[in-house]
Amino acid sequence: MLLDLVVGGLFTFRLSSLISKENGPFHVFKGFRGFVGITHDDNGEPVAYPETFFGELVYCMRCNSVWIGAAWCVIYIISRETALCIGLPFALSAVSMAVDRWIHG
């Protein structure tokens, strides 16, 4: 049960970070932010944020983490194994990032 909580928490953190701050593979998350109206400069940094529900939800990591965590909980209730399969790669990525930051500062 503790492992499930750790995986769920790290999954929620990692996906929230990808959606709100990172470009992601093939700039998928940057494109998604552009779709909801967030514009970026030439370096890929967000520069303008729409005052819409979805724009604020995507931009705010604290906001979108609530909904991502809730969705993961629903999937967990339906199928623990499915939730862990979805969450584990993101959780491992979050741990890898933490180790990298710890080692390289």
PDB file of N, CA and C in Angstrom:
ATOM      1  N   MET A   1       0.815  -1.193   0.000  1.00  0.00           N
ATOM      2  CA  MET A   1       0.000   0.000   0.000  1.00  0.00           C
ATOM      3  C   MET A   1       0.867   1.269   0.000  1.00  0.00           C
ATOM      4  N   LEU A   2       1.962   1.273   0.771  1.00  0.00           N
ATOM      5  CA  LEU A   2       2.861   2.425   0.788  1.00  0.00           C
ATOM      6  C   LEU A   2       3.497   2.624  -0.584  1.00  0.00           C
ATOM      7  N   LEU A   3       3.876   1.529  -1.235  1.00  0.00           N
ATOM      8  CA  LEU A   3       4.447   1.619  -2.581  1.00  0.00           C
ATOM      9  C   LEU A   3       3.446   2.255  -3.548  1.00  0.00           C
ATOM     10  N   ASP A   4       2.184   1.894  -3.435  1.00  0.00           N
ATOM     11  CA  ASP A   4       1.152   2.468  -4.303  1.00  0.00           C
ATOM     12  C   ASP A   4       1.061   3.979  -4.102  1.00  0.00           C
ATOM     13  N   LEU A   5       1.123   4.409  -2.853  1.00  0.00           N
ATOM     14  CA  LEU A   5       1.062   5.833  -2.545  1.00  0.00           C
ATOM     15  C   LEU A   5       2.270   6.566  -3.121  1.00  0.00           C
ATOM     16  N   VAL A   6       3.440   5.981  -2.996  1.00  0.00           N
ATOM     17  CA  VAL A   6       4.654   6.600  -3.532  1.00  0.00           C
ATOM     18  C   VAL A   6       4.583   6.685  -5.054  1.00  0.00           C
ATOM     19  N   VAL A   7       4.182   5.595  -5.700  1.00  0.00           N
ATOM     20  CA  VAL A   7       4.056   5.602  -7.162  1.00  0.00           C
ATOM     21  C   VAL A   7       3.029   6.642  -7.597  1.00  0.00           C
ATOM     22  N   GLY A   8       1.883   6.683  -6.939  1.00  0.00           N
ATOM     23  CA  GLY A   8       0.849   7.655  -7.286  1.00  0.00           C
ATOM     24  C   GLY A   8       1.312   9.088  -7.097  1.00  0.00           C
ATOM     25  N   GLY A   9       2.009   9.343  -6.013  1.00  0.00           N
ATOM     26  CA  GLY A   9       2.511  10.692  -5.759  1.00  0.00           C
ATOM     27  C   GLY A   9       3.563  11.125  -6.763  1.00  0.00           C
ATOM     28  N   LEU A  10       4.494  10.242  -7.054  1.00  0.00           N
ATOM     29  CA  LEU A  10       5.538  10.573  -8.031  1.00  0.00           C
ATOM     30  C   LEU A  10       4.967  10.701  -9.441  1.00  0.00           C
ATOM     31  N   PHE A  11       3.997   9.848  -9.789  1.00  0.00           N
ATOM     32  CA  PHE A  11       3.311   9.949 -11.080  1.00  0.00           C
ATOM     33  C   PHE A  11       2.638  11.308 -11.211  1.00  0.00           C
ATOM     34  N   THR A  12       1.903  11.703 -10.170  1.00  0.00           N
ATOM     35  CA  THR A  12       1.185  12.970 -10.194  1.00  0.00           C
ATOM     36  C   THR A  12       2.152  14.136 -10.338  1.00  0.00           C
ATOM     37  N   PHE A  13       3.246  14.105  -9.588  1.00  0.00           N
ATOM     38  CA  PHE A  13       4.251  15.164  -9.690  1.00  0.00           C
ATOM     39  C   PHE A  13       4.826  15.240 -11.099  1.00  0.00           C
ATOM     40  N   ARG A  14       5.238  14.101 -11.625  1.00  0.00           N
ATOM     41  CA  ARG A  14       5.944  14.095 -12.915  1.00  0.00           C
ATOM     42  C   ARG A  14       5.044  14.539 -14.059  1.00  0.00           C
ATOM     43  N   LEU A  15       3.824  14.011 -14.108  1.00  0.00           N
ATOM     44  CA  LEU A  15       2.922  14.390 -15.191  1.00  0.00           C
ATOM     45  C   LEU A  15       2.500  15.855 -15.058  1.00  0.00           C
ATOM     46  N   SER A  16       2.288  16.328 -13.842  1.00  0.00           N
ATOM     47  CA  SER A  16       1.947  17.738 -13.625  1.00  0.00           C
ATOM     48  C   SER A  16       3.077  18.645 -14.101  1.00  0.00           C
ATOM     49  N   SER A  17       4.303  18.259 -13.818  1.00  0.00           N
ATOM     50  CA  SER A  17       5.458  19.028 -14.256  1.00  0.00           C
ATOM     51  C   SER A  17       5.563  19.049 -15.777  1.00  0.00           C
ATOM     52  N   LEU A  18       5.370  17.897 -16.398  1.00  0.00           N
ATOM     53  CA  LEU A  18       5.421  17.836 -17.861  1.00  0.00           C
ATOM     54  C   LEU A  18       4.370  18.745 -18.490  1.00  0.00           C
ATOM     55  N   ILE A  19       3.166  18.672 -17.991  1.00  0.00           N
ATOM     56  CA  ILE A  19       2.069  19.449 -18.576  1.00  0.00           C
ATOM     57  C   ILE A  19       2.287  20.948 -18.394  1.00  0.00           C
ATOM     58  N   SER A  20       2.737  21.358 -17.222  1.00  0.00           N
ATOM     59  CA  SER A  20       2.806  22.792 -16.942  1.00  0.00           C
ATOM     60  C   SER A  20       4.122  23.461 -17.308  1.00  0.00           C
ATOM     61  N   LYS A  21       5.221  22.706 -17.369  1.00  0.00           N
ATOM     62  CA  LYS A  21       6.522  23.364 -17.499  1.00  0.00           C
ATOM     63  C   LYS A  21       7.430  22.854 -18.611  1.00  0.00           C
ATOM     64  N   GLU A  22       7.289  21.612 -19.017  1.00  0.00           N
ATOM     65  CA  GLU A  22       8.293  21.008 -19.888  1.00  0.00           C
ATOM     66  C   GLU A  22       7.770  20.829 -21.311  1.00  0.00           C
ATOM     67  N   ASN A  23       8.702  20.769 -22.253  1.00  0.00           N
ATOM     68  CA  ASN A  23       8.313  20.548 -23.643  1.00  0.00           C
ATOM     69  C   ASN A  23       7.867  19.118 -23.883  1.00  0.00           C
ATOM     70  N   GLY A  24       8.540  18.170 -23.251  1.00  0.00           N
ATOM     71  CA  GLY A  24       8.198  16.767 -23.440  1.00  0.00           C
ATOM     72  C   GLY A  24       8.763  16.221 -24.735  1.00  0.00           C
ATOM     73  N   PRO A  25       8.624  14.917 -24.937  1.00  0.00           N
ATOM     74  CA  PRO A  25       9.119  14.315 -26.178  1.00  0.00           C
ATOM     75  C   PRO A  25       8.349  14.845 -27.379  1.00  0.00           C
ATOM     76  N   PHE A  26       9.087  15.204 -28.416  1.00  0.00           N
ATOM     77  CA  PHE A  26       8.504  15.737 -29.651  1.00  0.00           C
ATOM     78  C   PHE A  26       7.674  16.997 -29.395  1.00  0.00           C
ATOM     79  N   HIS A  27       7.968  17.709 -28.310  1.00  0.00           N
ATOM     80  CA  HIS A  27       7.286  18.953 -27.929  1.00  0.00           C
ATOM     81  C   HIS A  27       5.779  18.768 -27.765  1.00  0.00           C
ATOM     82  N   VAL A  28       5.382  17.581 -27.328  1.00  0.00           N
ATOM     83  CA  VAL A  28       3.962  17.267 -27.157  1.00  0.00           C
ATOM     84  C   VAL A  28       3.313  18.190 -26.133  1.00  0.00           C
ATOM     85  N   PHE A  29       3.957  18.398 -25.003  1.00  0.00           N
ATOM     86  CA  PHE A  29       3.341  19.194 -23.945  1.00  0.00           C
ATOM     87  C   PHE A  29       3.388  20.681 -24.263  1.00  0.00           C
ATOM     88  N   LYS A  30       4.410  21.122 -24.964  1.00  0.00           N
ATOM     89  CA  LYS A  30       4.450  22.514 -25.424  1.00  0.00           C
ATOM     90  C   LYS A  30       3.309  22.755 -26.402  1.00  0.00           C
ATOM     91  N   GLY A  31       3.091  21.807 -27.295  1.00  0.00           N
ATOM     92  CA  GLY A  31       1.981  21.924 -28.242  1.00  0.00           C
ATOM     93  C   GLY A  31       0.635  21.934 -27.546  1.00  0.00           C
ATOM     94  N   PHE A  32       0.500  21.102 -26.514  1.00  0.00           N
ATOM     95  CA  PHE A  32      -0.748  21.067 -25.752  1.00  0.00           C
ATOM     96  C   PHE A  32      -0.992  22.399 -25.061  1.00  0.00           C
ATOM     97  N   ARG A  33       0.064  22.975 -24.476  1.00  0.00           N
ATOM     98  CA  ARG A  33      -0.092  24.286 -23.842  1.00  0.00           C
ATOM     99  C   ARG A  33      -0.472  25.336 -24.875  1.00  0.00           C
ATOM    100  N   GLY A  34       0.103  25.243 -26.064  1.00  0.00           N
ATOM    101  CA  GLY A  34      -0.274  26.166 -27.130  1.00  0.00           C
ATOM    102  C   GLY A  34      -1.730  25.996 -27.539  1.00  0.00           C
ATOM    103  N   PHE A  35      -2.208  24.777 -27.511  1.00  0.00           N
ATOM    104  CA  PHE A  35      -3.600  24.481 -27.873  1.00  0.00           C
ATOM    105  C   PHE A  35      -4.580  25.169 -26.927  1.00  0.00           C
ATOM    106  N   VAL A  36      -4.222  25.268 -25.641  1.00  0.00           N
ATOM    107  CA  VAL A  36      -5.116  25.923 -24.682  1.00  0.00           C
ATOM    108  C   VAL A  36      -4.845  27.421 -24.584  1.00  0.00           C
ATOM    109  N   GLY A  37      -3.931  27.937 -25.415  1.00  0.00           N
ATOM    110  CA  GLY A  37      -3.731  29.373 -25.503  1.00  0.00           C
ATOM    111  C   GLY A  37      -2.499  29.932 -24.841  1.00  0.00           C
ATOM    112  N   ILE A  38      -1.629  29.096 -24.318  1.00  0.00           N
ATOM    113  CA  ILE A  38      -0.391  29.578 -23.710  1.00  0.00           C
ATOM    114  C   ILE A  38       0.626  29.761 -24.830  1.00  0.00           C
ATOM    115  N   THR A  39       1.197  30.967 -24.928  1.00  0.00           N
ATOM    116  CA  THR A  39       2.177  31.228 -25.984  1.00  0.00           C
ATOM    117  C   THR A  39       3.582  31.159 -25.409  1.00  0.00           C
ATOM    118  N   HIS A  40       4.541  30.839 -26.279  1.00  0.00           N
ATOM    119  CA  HIS A  40       5.934  30.634 -25.872  1.00  0.00           C
ATOM    120  C   HIS A  40       6.854  31.546 -26.676  1.00  0.00           C
ATOM    121  N   ASP A  41       8.014  31.877 -26.099  1.00  0.00           N
ATOM    122  CA  ASP A  41       9.013  32.639 -26.833  1.00  0.00           C
ATOM    123  C   ASP A  41       9.861  31.683 -27.683  1.00  0.00           C
ATOM    124  N   ASP A  42      10.902  32.198 -28.316  1.00  0.00           N
ATOM    125  CA  ASP A  42      11.746  31.383 -29.199  1.00  0.00           C
ATOM    126  C   ASP A  42      12.488  30.272 -28.457  1.00  0.00           C
ATOM    127  N   ASN A  43      12.693  30.435 -27.155  1.00  0.00           N
ATOM    128  CA  ASN A  43      13.371  29.421 -26.352  1.00  0.00           C
ATOM    129  C   ASN A  43      12.415  28.384 -25.788  1.00  0.00           C
ATOM    130  N   GLY A  44      11.128  28.514 -26.080  1.00  0.00           N
ATOM    131  CA  GLY A  44      10.146  27.562 -25.579  1.00  0.00           C
ATOM    132  C   GLY A  44       9.585  27.900 -24.221  1.00  0.00           C
ATOM    133  N   GLU A  45       9.970  29.076 -23.678  1.00  0.00           N
ATOM    134  CA  GLU A  45       9.473  29.494 -22.367  1.00  0.00           C
ATOM    135  C   GLU A  45       8.094  30.129 -22.523  1.00  0.00           C
ATOM    136  N   PRO A  46       7.154  29.779 -21.640  1.00  0.00           N
ATOM    137  CA  PRO A  46       5.827  30.404 -21.693  1.00  0.00           C
ATOM    138  C   PRO A  46       5.928  31.901 -21.429  1.00  0.00           C
ATOM    139  N   VAL A  47       5.229  32.712 -22.222  1.00  0.00           N
ATOM    140  CA  VAL A  47       5.270  34.164 -22.045  1.00  0.00           C
ATOM    141  C   VAL A  47       3.886  34.782 -21.852  1.00  0.00           C
ATOM    142  N   ALA A  48       2.836  34.146 -22.311  1.00  0.00           N
ATOM    143  CA  ALA A  48       1.490  34.701 -22.167  1.00  0.00           C
ATOM    144  C   ALA A  48       0.537  33.585 -21.773  1.00  0.00           C
ATOM    145  N   TYR A  49      -0.312  33.898 -20.813  1.00  0.00           N
ATOM    146  CA  TYR A  49      -1.227  32.900 -20.278  1.00  0.00           C
ATOM    147  C   TYR A  49      -2.657  33.401 -20.420  1.00  0.00           C
ATOM    148  N   PRO A  50      -3.518  32.597 -20.991  1.00  0.00           N
ATOM    149  CA  PRO A  50      -4.903  33.033 -21.130  1.00  0.00           C
ATOM    150  C   PRO A  50      -5.622  32.983 -19.777  1.00  0.00           C
ATOM    151  N   GLU A  51      -6.589  33.831 -19.623  1.00  0.00           N
ATOM    152  CA  GLU A  51      -7.378  33.826 -18.392  1.00  0.00           C
ATOM    153  C   GLU A  51      -8.625  32.979 -18.595  1.00  0.00           C
ATOM    154  N   THR A  52      -8.393  31.740 -18.972  1.00  0.00           N
ATOM    155  CA  THR A  52      -9.479  30.782 -19.149  1.00  0.00           C
ATOM    156  C   THR A  52      -9.276  29.652 -18.147  1.00  0.00           C
ATOM    157  N   PHE A  53     -10.317  28.883 -17.918  1.00  0.00           N
ATOM    158  CA  PHE A  53     -10.227  27.770 -16.976  1.00  0.00           C
ATOM    159  C   PHE A  53      -9.117  26.811 -17.378  1.00  0.00           C
ATOM    160  N   PHE A  54      -9.104  26.376 -18.642  1.00  0.00           N
ATOM    161  CA  PHE A  54      -8.115  25.393 -19.091  1.00  0.00           C
ATOM    162  C   PHE A  54      -6.708  25.985 -19.147  1.00  0.00           C
ATOM    163  N   GLY A  55      -6.593  27.256 -19.538  1.00  0.00           N
ATOM    164  CA  GLY A  55      -5.284  27.893 -19.561  1.00  0.00           C
ATOM    165  C   GLY A  55      -4.662  27.954 -18.179  1.00  0.00           C
ATOM    166  N   GLU A  56      -5.462  28.343 -17.194  1.00  0.00           N
ATOM    167  CA  GLU A  56      -4.952  28.412 -15.818  1.00  0.00           C
ATOM    168  C   GLU A  56      -4.707  27.022 -15.247  1.00  0.00           C
ATOM    169  N   LEU A  57      -5.552  26.070 -15.595  1.00  0.00           N
ATOM    170  CA  LEU A  57      -5.385  24.701 -15.114  1.00  0.00           C
ATOM    171  C   LEU A  57      -4.080  24.096 -15.630  1.00  0.00           C
ATOM    172  N   VAL A  58      -3.789  24.304 -16.890  1.00  0.00           N
ATOM    173  CA  VAL A  58      -2.585  23.739 -17.494  1.00  0.00           C
ATOM    174  C   VAL A  58      -1.342  24.464 -16.984  1.00  0.00           C
ATOM    175  N   TYR A  59      -1.414  25.788 -16.864  1.00  0.00           N
ATOM    176  CA  TYR A  59      -0.251  26.551 -16.435  1.00  0.00           C
ATOM    177  C   TYR A  59       0.127  26.267 -14.985  1.00  0.00           C
ATOM    178  N   CYS A  60      -0.856  26.110 -14.132  1.00  0.00           N
ATOM    179  CA  CYS A  60      -0.609  25.970 -12.703  1.00  0.00           C
ATOM    180  C   CYS A  60      -0.374  24.498 -12.333  1.00  0.00           C
ATOM    181  N   MET A  61       0.858  24.175 -11.974  1.00  0.00           N
ATOM    182  CA  MET A  61       1.181  22.792 -11.613  1.00  0.00           C
ATOM    183  C   MET A  61       0.409  22.351 -10.376  1.00  0.00           C
ATOM    184  N   ARG A  62       0.234  23.239  -9.429  1.00  0.00           N
ATOM    185  CA  ARG A  62      -0.517  22.888  -8.219  1.00  0.00           C
ATOM    186  C   ARG A  62      -1.977  22.599  -8.551  1.00  0.00           C
ATOM    187  N   CYS A  63      -2.510  23.321  -9.526  1.00  0.00           N
ATOM    188  CA  CYS A  63      -3.915  23.100  -9.922  1.00  0.00           C
ATOM    189  C   CYS A  63      -4.064  21.778 -10.666  1.00  0.00           C
ATOM    190  N   ASN A  64      -3.228  21.568 -11.678  1.00  0.00           N
ATOM    191  CA  ASN A  64      -3.416  20.358 -12.478  1.00  0.00           C
ATOM    192  C   ASN A  64      -3.027  19.094 -11.725  1.00  0.00           C
ATOM    193  N   SER A  65      -2.186  19.218 -10.703  1.00  0.00           N
ATOM    194  CA  SER A  65      -1.820  18.019  -9.937  1.00  0.00           C
ATOM    195  C   SER A  65      -3.013  17.455  -9.165  1.00  0.00           C
ATOM    196  N   VAL A  66      -3.927  18.312  -8.745  1.00  0.00           N
ATOM    197  CA  VAL A  66      -5.125  17.835  -8.051  1.00  0.00           C
ATOM    198  C   VAL A  66      -5.945  16.941  -8.979  1.00  0.00           C
ATOM    199  N   TRP A  67      -6.147  17.405 -10.213  1.00  0.00           N
ATOM    200  CA  TRP A  67      -6.967  16.644 -11.162  1.00  0.00           C
ATOM    201  C   TRP A  67      -6.254  15.395 -11.653  1.00  0.00           C
ATOM    202  N   ILE A  68      -4.958  15.475 -11.840  1.00  0.00           N
ATOM    203  CA  ILE A  68      -4.190  14.294 -12.243  1.00  0.00           C
ATOM    204  C   ILE A  68      -4.202  13.259 -11.131  1.00  0.00           C
ATOM    205  N   GLY A  69      -3.998  13.700  -9.897  1.00  0.00           N
ATOM    206  CA  GLY A  69      -4.055  12.784  -8.754  1.00  0.00           C
ATOM    207  C   GLY A  69      -5.431  12.150  -8.622  1.00  0.00           C
ATOM    208  N   ALA A  70      -6.484  12.926  -8.822  1.00  0.00           N
ATOM    209  CA  ALA A  70      -7.849  12.389  -8.741  1.00  0.00           C
ATOM    210  C   ALA A  70      -8.093  11.349  -9.836  1.00  0.00           C
ATOM    211  N   ALA A  71      -7.627  11.628 -11.038  1.00  0.00           N
ATOM    212  CA  ALA A  71      -7.791  10.670 -12.134  1.00  0.00           C
ATOM    213  C   ALA A  71      -7.037   9.378 -11.839  1.00  0.00           C
ATOM    214  N   TRP A  72      -5.828   9.502 -11.291  1.00  0.00           N
ATOM    215  CA  TRP A  72      -5.061   8.309 -10.953  1.00  0.00           C
ATOM    216  C   TRP A  72      -5.785   7.494  -9.884  1.00  0.00           C
ATOM    217  N   CYS A  73      -6.402   8.173  -8.922  1.00  0.00           N
ATOM    218  CA  CYS A  73      -7.159   7.468  -7.875  1.00  0.00           C
ATOM    219  C   CYS A  73      -8.340   6.703  -8.458  1.00  0.00           C
ATOM    220  N   VAL A  74      -9.039   7.305  -9.411  1.00  0.00           N
ATOM    221  CA  VAL A  74     -10.170   6.610 -10.054  1.00  0.00           C
ATOM    222  C   VAL A  74      -9.670   5.365 -10.778  1.00  0.00           C
ATOM    223  N   ILE A  75      -8.585   5.507 -11.521  1.00  0.00           N
ATOM    224  CA  ILE A  75      -8.020   4.348 -12.221  1.00  0.00           C
ATOM    225  C   ILE A  75      -7.576   3.297 -11.207  1.00  0.00           C
ATOM    226  N   TYR A  76      -6.998   3.728 -10.098  1.00  0.00           N
ATOM    227  CA  TYR A  76      -6.548   2.817  -9.038  1.00  0.00           C
ATOM    228  C   TYR A  76      -7.722   2.042  -8.452  1.00  0.00           C
ATOM    229  N   ILE A  77      -8.842   2.714  -8.228  1.00  0.00           N
ATOM    230  CA  ILE A  77     -10.027   2.045  -7.680  1.00  0.00           C
ATOM    231  C   ILE A  77     -10.563   1.013  -8.671  1.00  0.00           C
ATOM    232  N   ILE A  78     -10.531   1.358  -9.948  1.00  0.00           N
ATOM    233  CA  ILE A  78     -11.024   0.436 -10.977  1.00  0.00           C
ATOM    234  C   ILE A  78     -10.081  -0.755 -11.123  1.00  0.00           C
ATOM    235  N   SER A  79      -8.778  -0.467 -11.206  1.00  0.00           N
ATOM    236  CA  SER A  79      -7.797  -1.542 -11.387  1.00  0.00           C
ATOM    237  C   SER A  79      -6.444  -1.094 -10.838  1.00  0.00           C
ATOM    238  N   ARG A  80      -6.075  -1.665  -9.724  1.00  0.00           N
ATOM    239  CA  ARG A  80      -4.794  -1.331  -9.098  1.00  0.00           C
ATOM    240  C   ARG A  80      -3.634  -1.602 -10.057  1.00  0.00           C
ATOM    241  N   GLU A  81      -3.674  -2.734 -10.741  1.00  0.00           N
ATOM    242  CA  GLU A  81      -2.579  -3.100 -11.645  1.00  0.00           C
ATOM    243  C   GLU A  81      -2.444  -2.105 -12.796  1.00  0.00           C
ATOM    244  N   THR A  82      -3.557  -1.677 -13.364  1.00  0.00           N
ATOM    245  CA  THR A  82      -3.515  -0.706 -14.459  1.00  0.00           C
ATOM    246  C   THR A  82      -2.939   0.620 -13.980  1.00  0.00           C
ATOM    247  N   ALA A  83      -3.392   1.069 -12.810  1.00  0.00           N
ATOM    248  CA  ALA A  83      -2.893   2.335 -12.270  1.00  0.00           C
ATOM    249  C   ALA A  83      -1.390   2.273 -12.044  1.00  0.00           C
ATOM    250  N   LEU A  84      -0.910   1.167 -11.513  1.00  0.00           N
ATOM    251  CA  LEU A  84       0.528   1.036 -11.277  1.00  0.00           C
ATOM    252  C   LEU A  84       1.306   0.966 -12.586  1.00  0.00           C
ATOM    253  N   CYS A  85       0.750   0.299 -13.591  1.00  0.00           N
ATOM    254  CA  CYS A  85       1.417   0.236 -14.900  1.00  0.00           C
ATOM    255  C   CYS A  85       1.493   1.610 -15.551  1.00  0.00           C
ATOM    256  N   ILE A  86       0.450   2.413 -15.385  1.00  0.00           N
ATOM    257  CA  ILE A  86       0.455   3.770 -15.932  1.00  0.00           C
ATOM    258  C   ILE A  86       1.407   4.653 -15.139  1.00  0.00           C
ATOM    259  N   GLY A  87       1.378   4.541 -13.834  1.00  0.00           N
ATOM    260  CA  GLY A  87       2.139   5.438 -12.979  1.00  0.00           C
ATOM    261  C   GLY A  87       3.606   5.132 -12.848  1.00  0.00           C
ATOM    262  N   LEU A  88       3.980   3.866 -12.952  1.00  0.00           N
ATOM    263  CA  LEU A  88       5.365   3.475 -12.685  1.00  0.00           C
ATOM    264  C   LEU A  88       6.397   4.151 -13.586  1.00  0.00           C
ATOM    265  N   PRO A  89       6.210   4.239 -14.903  1.00  0.00           N
ATOM    266  CA  PRO A  89       7.233   4.923 -15.711  1.00  0.00           C
ATOM    267  C   PRO A  89       7.430   6.386 -15.309  1.00  0.00           C
ATOM    268  N   PHE A  90       6.341   7.076 -14.993  1.00  0.00           N
ATOM    269  CA  PHE A  90       6.446   8.469 -14.569  1.00  0.00           C
ATOM    270  C   PHE A  90       7.127   8.564 -13.203  1.00  0.00           C
ATOM    271  N   ALA A  91       6.790   7.633 -12.306  1.00  0.00           N
ATOM    272  CA  ALA A  91       7.410   7.616 -10.984  1.00  0.00           C
ATOM    273  C   ALA A  91       8.912   7.361 -11.092  1.00  0.00           C
ATOM    274  N   LEU A  92       9.303   6.421 -11.936  1.00  0.00           N
ATOM    275  CA  LEU A  92      10.726   6.147 -12.138  1.00  0.00           C
ATOM    276  C   LEU A  92      11.444   7.355 -12.723  1.00  0.00           C
ATOM    277  N   SER A  93      10.782   8.053 -13.637  1.00  0.00           N
ATOM    278  CA  SER A  93      11.363   9.262 -14.212  1.00  0.00           C
ATOM    279  C   SER A  93      11.567  10.323 -13.140  1.00  0.00           C
ATOM    280  N   ALA A  94      10.596  10.486 -12.247  1.00  0.00           N
ATOM    281  CA  ALA A  94      10.716  11.469 -11.165  1.00  0.00           C
ATOM    282  C   ALA A  94      11.871  11.114 -10.238  1.00  0.00           C
ATOM    283  N   VAL A  95      12.020   9.846  -9.915  1.00  0.00           N
ATOM    284  CA  VAL A  95      13.135   9.413  -9.064  1.00  0.00           C
ATOM    285  C   VAL A  95      14.465   9.664  -9.773  1.00  0.00           C
ATOM    286  N   SER A  96      14.524   9.353 -11.059  1.00  0.00           N
ATOM    287  CA  SER A  96      15.737   9.586 -11.836  1.00  0.00           C
ATOM    288  C   SER A  96      16.110  11.064 -11.837  1.00  0.00           C
ATOM    289  N   MET A  97      15.129  11.926 -11.983  1.00  0.00           N
ATOM    290  CA  MET A  97      15.401  13.364 -11.961  1.00  0.00           C
ATOM    291  C   MET A  97      15.913  13.811 -10.591  1.00  0.00           C
ATOM    292  N   ALA A  98      15.331  13.264  -9.527  1.00  0.00           N
ATOM    293  CA  ALA A  98      15.762  13.613  -8.171  1.00  0.00           C
ATOM    294  C   ALA A  98      17.198  13.159  -7.923  1.00  0.00           C
ATOM    295  N   VAL A  99      17.533  11.964  -8.367  1.00  0.00           N
ATOM    296  CA  VAL A  99      18.902  11.456  -8.203  1.00  0.00           C
ATOM    297  C   VAL A  99      19.878  12.321  -8.994  1.00  0.00           C
ATOM    298  N   ASP A 100      19.508  12.687 -10.225  1.00  0.00           N
ATOM    299  CA  ASP A 100      20.367  13.533 -11.046  1.00  0.00           C
ATOM    300  C   ASP A 100      20.609  14.879 -10.371  1.00  0.00           C
ATOM    301  N   ARG A 101      19.561  15.479  -9.822  1.00  0.00           N
ATOM    302  CA  ARG A 101      19.713  16.762  -9.149  1.00  0.00           C
ATOM    303  C   ARG A 101      20.566  16.626  -7.889  1.00  0.00           C
ATOM    304  N   TRP A 102      20.416  15.524  -7.174  1.00  0.00           N
ATOM    305  CA  TRP A 102      21.178  15.278  -5.950  1.00  0.00           C
ATOM    306  C   TRP A 102      22.666  15.122  -6.280  1.00  0.00           C
ATOM    307  N   ILE A 103      22.968  14.395  -7.357  1.00  0.00           N
ATOM    308  CA  ILE A 103      24.354  14.132  -7.721  1.00  0.00           C
ATOM    309  C   ILE A 103      25.006  15.375  -8.352  1.00  0.00           C
ATOM    310  N   HIS A 104      24.290  16.034  -9.259  1.00  0.00           N
ATOM    311  CA  HIS A 104      24.885  17.133 -10.017  1.00  0.00           C
ATOM    312  C   HIS A 104      24.510  18.523  -9.489  1.00  0.00           C
ATOM    313  N   GLY A 105      23.737  18.563  -8.424  1.00  0.00           N
ATOM    314  CA  GLY A 105      23.403  19.854  -7.810  1.00  0.00           C
ATOM    315  C   GLY A 105      22.339  20.586  -8.437  1.00  0.00           C
TER     316      GLY A 105
END
